[in-house]
Protein backbone atom coordinates (compact mmCIF):
# COMPACT_ATOMS: atom_id res chain seq x y z
CA LYS A 1 99.60 84.17 55.45
CA SER A 2 99.32 81.71 58.32
CA ARG A 3 100.13 82.94 61.82
CA THR A 4 100.56 79.98 64.14
CA LYS A 5 102.33 81.71 67.03
CA LYS A 6 100.41 84.02 69.36
CA GLY A 7 103.16 86.62 69.11
CA ASP A 8 102.70 86.75 65.33
CA VAL A 9 98.93 87.14 65.72
CA ILE A 10 99.37 90.01 68.18
CA ALA A 11 101.99 91.70 65.98
CA TYR A 12 99.62 91.47 63.02
CA ALA A 13 96.74 92.95 65.04
CA LEU A 14 98.91 95.84 66.25
CA LYS A 15 100.15 96.56 62.74
CA SER A 16 96.69 96.25 61.17
CA CYS A 17 95.29 98.75 63.66
CA ASN A 18 98.27 101.09 63.23
CA ILE A 19 99.10 100.88 66.93
CA THR A 20 102.59 102.18 67.58
CA ASP A 21 102.13 103.33 71.18
CA LYS A 22 101.73 100.07 73.04
CA SER A 23 101.53 101.66 76.49
CA ASP A 24 97.72 101.41 76.51
CA CYS A 25 97.60 97.83 75.16
CA LEU A 26 96.66 94.86 77.28
CA MET A 27 96.59 91.24 76.13
CA VAL A 28 93.89 89.31 77.97
CA GLY A 29 94.40 85.56 77.82
CA ASP A 30 94.05 82.33 79.70
CA ARG A 31 97.16 80.41 78.62
CA GLU A 32 100.94 80.73 78.70
CA GLN A 33 101.04 81.29 74.92
CA ASP A 34 98.93 84.43 75.33
CA ILE A 35 101.30 85.85 77.93
CA ASN A 36 104.37 84.94 75.87
CA GLY A 37 102.83 86.64 72.84
CA ALA A 38 102.27 89.81 74.83
CA ILE A 39 105.84 89.77 76.15
CA ALA A 40 107.20 89.21 72.62
CA ASN A 41 105.36 92.34 71.49
CA GLY A 42 106.21 94.53 74.47
CA ILE A 43 102.71 94.81 75.89
CA ASP A 44 101.24 94.10 79.31
CA SER A 45 99.23 90.96 79.90
CA LEU A 46 96.27 89.98 82.03
CA GLY A 47 96.02 86.29 82.76
CA VAL A 48 92.47 85.17 83.51
CA LEU A 49 91.76 82.20 85.75
CA TYR A 50 88.27 81.45 84.41
CA GLY A 51 89.70 79.87 81.25
CA TYR A 52 91.96 76.88 80.71
CA GLY A 53 95.12 78.07 82.42
CA ASP A 54 95.72 78.05 86.15
CA ILE A 55 97.53 80.38 88.55
CA GLU A 56 100.78 78.42 88.31
CA GLU A 57 100.87 78.52 84.50
CA LEU A 58 100.06 82.23 84.30
CA SER A 59 102.45 83.16 87.12
CA ASN A 60 105.30 81.14 85.62
CA ALA A 61 104.69 82.85 82.28
CA LYS A 62 105.10 86.19 84.08
CA SER A 63 101.66 87.63 83.41
CA THR A 64 101.64 91.33 84.33
CA TYR A 65 98.30 90.93 86.12
CA ILE A 66 96.01 88.04 87.02
CA ALA A 67 92.21 88.16 87.34
CA LYS A 68 90.14 85.50 89.04
CA THR A 69 86.80 86.52 87.53
CA VAL A 70 85.42 88.47 84.61
CA GLU A 71 84.46 91.21 87.03
CA ASP A 72 88.09 91.51 88.17
CA ILE A 73 89.13 92.64 84.68
CA ILE A 74 87.66 96.09 85.36
CA LYS A 75 90.47 96.69 87.87
CA TYR A 76 93.03 96.56 85.06
CA VAL A 77 91.34 98.34 82.14
């Protein structure tokens, strides 16, 4: 089955891994679609600024956290 929306991809991953407690899940992504997918599945998101998205895009998408560098990710995991 084709999954074209990020939310569908995340839902499939959660189901495939039998994850029912989403409190420890974190979606790491660099675009608005990643953040929207996390929100659609009730999980926190970490927008990263070293990819394609910028601070405005990730902030407007309501990313739970934002990291400027790869090293900054450690603060959130």
